[in-house]
C-alpha atoms as a PDB file:
ATOM      1  CA  UNK A   1      93.661-107.842-122.723  1.00  0.00           C
ATOM      2  CA  UNK A   2      96.643-107.330-124.915  1.00  0.00           C
ATOM      3  CA  UNK A   3      98.771-104.078-124.705  1.00  0.00           C
ATOM      4  CA  UNK A   4      98.315-101.748-127.496  1.00  0.00           C
ATOM      5  CA  UNK A   5     101.178-101.023-129.686  1.00  0.00           C
ATOM      6  CA  UNK A   6     101.714 -97.145-129.833  1.00  0.00           C
ATOM      7  CA  UNK A   7     103.702 -95.412-132.414  1.00  0.00           C
ATOM      8  CA  UNK A   8     106.937 -93.988-131.051  1.00  0.00           C
ATOM      9  CA  UNK A   9     106.074 -90.438-131.972  1.00  0.00           C
ATOM     10  CA  UNK A  10     102.902 -90.816-130.000  1.00  0.00           C
ATOM     11  CA  UNK A  11     104.778 -91.993-126.953  1.00  0.00           C
ATOM     12  CA  UNK A  12     107.225 -89.044-127.310  1.00  0.00           C
ATOM     13  CA  UNK A  13     104.348 -86.711-127.498  1.00  0.00           C
ATOM     14  CA  UNK A  14     102.760 -88.134-124.442  1.00  0.00           C
ATOM     15  CA  UNK A  15     105.913 -87.864-122.266  1.00  0.00           C
ATOM     16  CA  UNK A  16     106.187 -84.192-123.542  1.00  0.00           C
ATOM     17  CA  UNK A  17     102.697 -83.389-122.427  1.00  0.00           C
ATOM     18  CA  UNK A  18     103.428 -85.046-119.046  1.00  0.00           C
ATOM     19  CA  UNK A  19     106.422 -83.036-118.544  1.00  0.00           C
ATOM     20  CA  UNK A  20     104.704 -79.834-119.643  1.00  0.00           C
ATOM     21  CA  UNK A  21     101.764 -80.480-117.202  1.00  0.00           C
ATOM     22  CA  UNK A  22     104.160 -81.368-114.303  1.00  0.00           C
ATOM     23  CA  UNK A  23     106.271 -78.147-115.116  1.00  0.00           C
ATOM     24  CA  UNK A  24     103.005 -75.960-115.120  1.00  0.00           C
ATOM     25  CA  UNK A  25     101.975 -77.230-111.691  1.00  0.00           C
ATOM     26  CA  UNK A  26     105.600 -76.690-110.309  1.00  0.00           C
ATOM     27  CA  UNK A  27     105.501 -73.107-111.545  1.00  0.00           C
ATOM     28  CA  UNK A  28     102.034 -72.606-110.034  1.00  0.00           C
ATOM     29  CA  UNK A  29     103.316 -74.063-106.549  1.00  0.00           C
ATOM     30  CA  UNK A  30     106.393 -71.711-106.857  1.00  0.00           C
ATOM     31  CA  UNK A  31     104.453 -68.624-107.597  1.00  0.00           C
ATOM     32  CA  UNK A  32     102.055 -69.496-104.739  1.00  0.00           C
ATOM     33  CA  UNK A  33     105.015 -69.759-102.327  1.00  0.00           C
ATOM     34  CA  UNK A  34     106.346 -66.281-103.317  1.00  0.00           C
ATOM     35  CA  UNK A  35     102.931 -64.538-103.695  1.00  0.00           C
ATOM     36  CA  UNK A  36     100.445 -65.374-106.529  1.00  0.00           C
ATOM     37  CA  UNK A  37      99.777 -62.882-108.977  1.00  0.00           C
ATOM     38  CA  UNK A  38      97.380 -62.332-111.940  1.00  0.00           C
ATOM     39  CA  UNK A  39     100.191 -63.084-114.291  1.00  0.00           C
ATOM     40  CA  UNK A  40     101.040 -66.331-112.580  1.00  0.00           C
ATOM     41  CA  UNK A  41      97.406 -67.419-112.994  1.00  0.00           C
ATOM     42  CA  UNK A  42      97.347 -66.450-116.914  1.00  0.00           C
ATOM     43  CA  UNK A  43     100.617 -68.214-117.456  1.00  0.00           C
ATOM     44  CA  UNK A  44      99.411 -71.381-115.684  1.00  0.00           C
ATOM     45  CA  UNK A  45      96.041 -71.077-117.697  1.00  0.00           C
ATOM     46  CA  UNK A  46      97.955 -70.743-120.979  1.00  0.00           C
ATOM     47  CA  UNK A  47     100.165 -73.807-120.293  1.00  0.00           C
ATOM     48  CA  UNK A  48      97.205 -75.950-119.258  1.00  0.00           C
ATOM     49  CA  UNK A  49      95.467 -74.773-122.477  1.00  0.00           C
ATOM     50  CA  UNK A  50      98.373 -75.943-124.302  1.00  0.00           C
ATOM     51  CA  UNK A  51      98.339 -79.259-122.620  1.00  0.00           C
ATOM     52  CA  UNK A  52      94.623 -79.778-123.203  1.00  0.00           C
ATOM     53  CA  UNK A  53      95.031 -78.815-127.055  1.00  0.00           C
ATOM     54  CA  UNK A  54      97.853 -81.387-127.446  1.00  0.00           C
ATOM     55  CA  UNK A  55      95.870 -84.096-125.763  1.00  0.00           C
ATOM     56  CA  UNK A  56      92.912 -83.325-127.943  1.00  0.00           C
ATOM     57  CA  UNK A  57      95.020 -83.257-131.153  1.00  0.00           C
ATOM     58  CA  UNK A  58      96.346 -86.765-130.240  1.00  0.00           C
ATOM     59  CA  UNK A  59      92.950 -88.190-129.298  1.00  0.00           C
ATOM     60  CA  UNK A  60      91.654 -87.064-132.766  1.00  0.00           C
ATOM     61  CA  UNK A  61      94.624 -88.706-134.501  1.00  0.00           C
ATOM     62  CA  UNK A  62      94.959 -91.986-132.543  1.00  0.00           C
ATOM     63  CA  UNK A  63      91.611 -92.451-130.661  1.00  0.00           C
ATOM     64  CA  UNK A  64      88.845 -90.747-132.729  1.00  0.00           C
ATOM     65  CA  UNK A  65      86.162 -92.720-131.393  1.00  0.00           C
ATOM     66  CA  UNK A  66      87.026 -91.774-127.681  1.00  0.00           C
ATOM     67  CA  UNK A  67      85.861 -88.896-126.021  1.00  0.00           C
ATOM     68  CA  UNK A  68      89.008 -87.735-124.074  1.00  0.00           C
ATOM     69  CA  UNK A  69      92.697 -88.379-123.663  1.00  0.00           C
ATOM     70  CA  UNK A  70      93.980 -87.371-120.359  1.00  0.00           C
ATOM     71  CA  UNK A  71      97.577 -87.273-119.477  1.00  0.00           C
ATOM     72  CA  UNK A  72      98.767 -86.669-115.884  1.00  0.00           C
ATOM     73  CA  UNK A  73     101.189 -88.228-113.112  1.00  0.00           C
ATOM     74  CA  UNK A  74     102.896 -90.459-115.678  1.00  0.00           C
ATOM     75  CA  UNK A  75      99.656 -91.963-117.141  1.00  0.00           C
ATOM     76  CA  UNK A  76      97.721 -91.447-120.307  1.00  0.00           C
ATOM     77  CA  UNK A  77      93.993 -92.674-120.200  1.00  0.00           C
ATOM     78  CA  UNK A  78      91.412 -92.574-122.757  1.00  0.00           C
ATOM     79  CA  UNK A  79      87.901 -92.087-121.620  1.00  0.00           C
ATOM     80  CA  UNK A  80      84.594 -92.726-123.078  1.00  0.00           C
ATOM     81  CA  UNK A  81      81.881 -90.009-123.462  1.00  0.00           C
ATOM     82  CA  UNK A  82      79.849 -91.405-120.436  1.00  0.00           C
ATOM     83  CA  UNK A  83      83.127 -91.949-118.499  1.00  0.00           C
ATOM     84  CA  UNK A  84      82.216 -95.751-117.808  1.00  0.00           C
ATOM     85  CA  UNK A  85      85.028 -97.036-120.217  1.00  0.00           C
ATOM     86  CA  UNK A  86      88.413 -95.919-119.595  1.00  0.00           C
ATOM     87  CA  UNK A  87      91.793 -97.623-120.530  1.00  0.00           C
ATOM     88  CA  UNK A  88      95.322 -96.651-119.497  1.00  0.00           C
ATOM     89  CA  UNK A  89      97.281 -96.485-122.855  1.00  0.00           C
ATOM     90  CA  UNK A  90     100.578 -95.269-121.378  1.00  0.00           C
ATOM     91  CA  UNK A  91     102.785 -95.222-118.392  1.00  0.00           C
ATOM     92  CA  UNK A  92     105.747 -93.225-118.056  1.00  0.00           C
ATOM     93  CA  UNK A  93     108.880 -95.522-117.778  1.00  0.00           C
ATOM     94  CA  UNK A  94     110.898 -95.002-114.568  1.00  0.00           C
ATOM     95  CA  UNK A  95     113.784 -93.745-116.548  1.00  0.00           C
ATOM     96  CA  UNK A  96     111.965 -90.971-118.338  1.00  0.00           C
ATOM     97  CA  UNK A  97     111.618 -88.755-115.456  1.00  0.00           C
END
């Protein structure tokens, strides 16, 4: 299988989503360490809602026939509706961190 050629703006957006997701979890861990509050949970939920919305917008634009685009841990995967077909479409470069 050959590698997909992704547009540069798509790659930049994936990296932005990955950083935003990491930041949301880092903020949640910090809040948990100091004593979690309802506003901490609200902030985490809002941040993850933005991540999910960004993934969905990219999926609609670049992979309209796939069911889901998931970005986490330096990877982006597209997933079929049944979950039986998945493909990693992006990996964070080591210098991107």
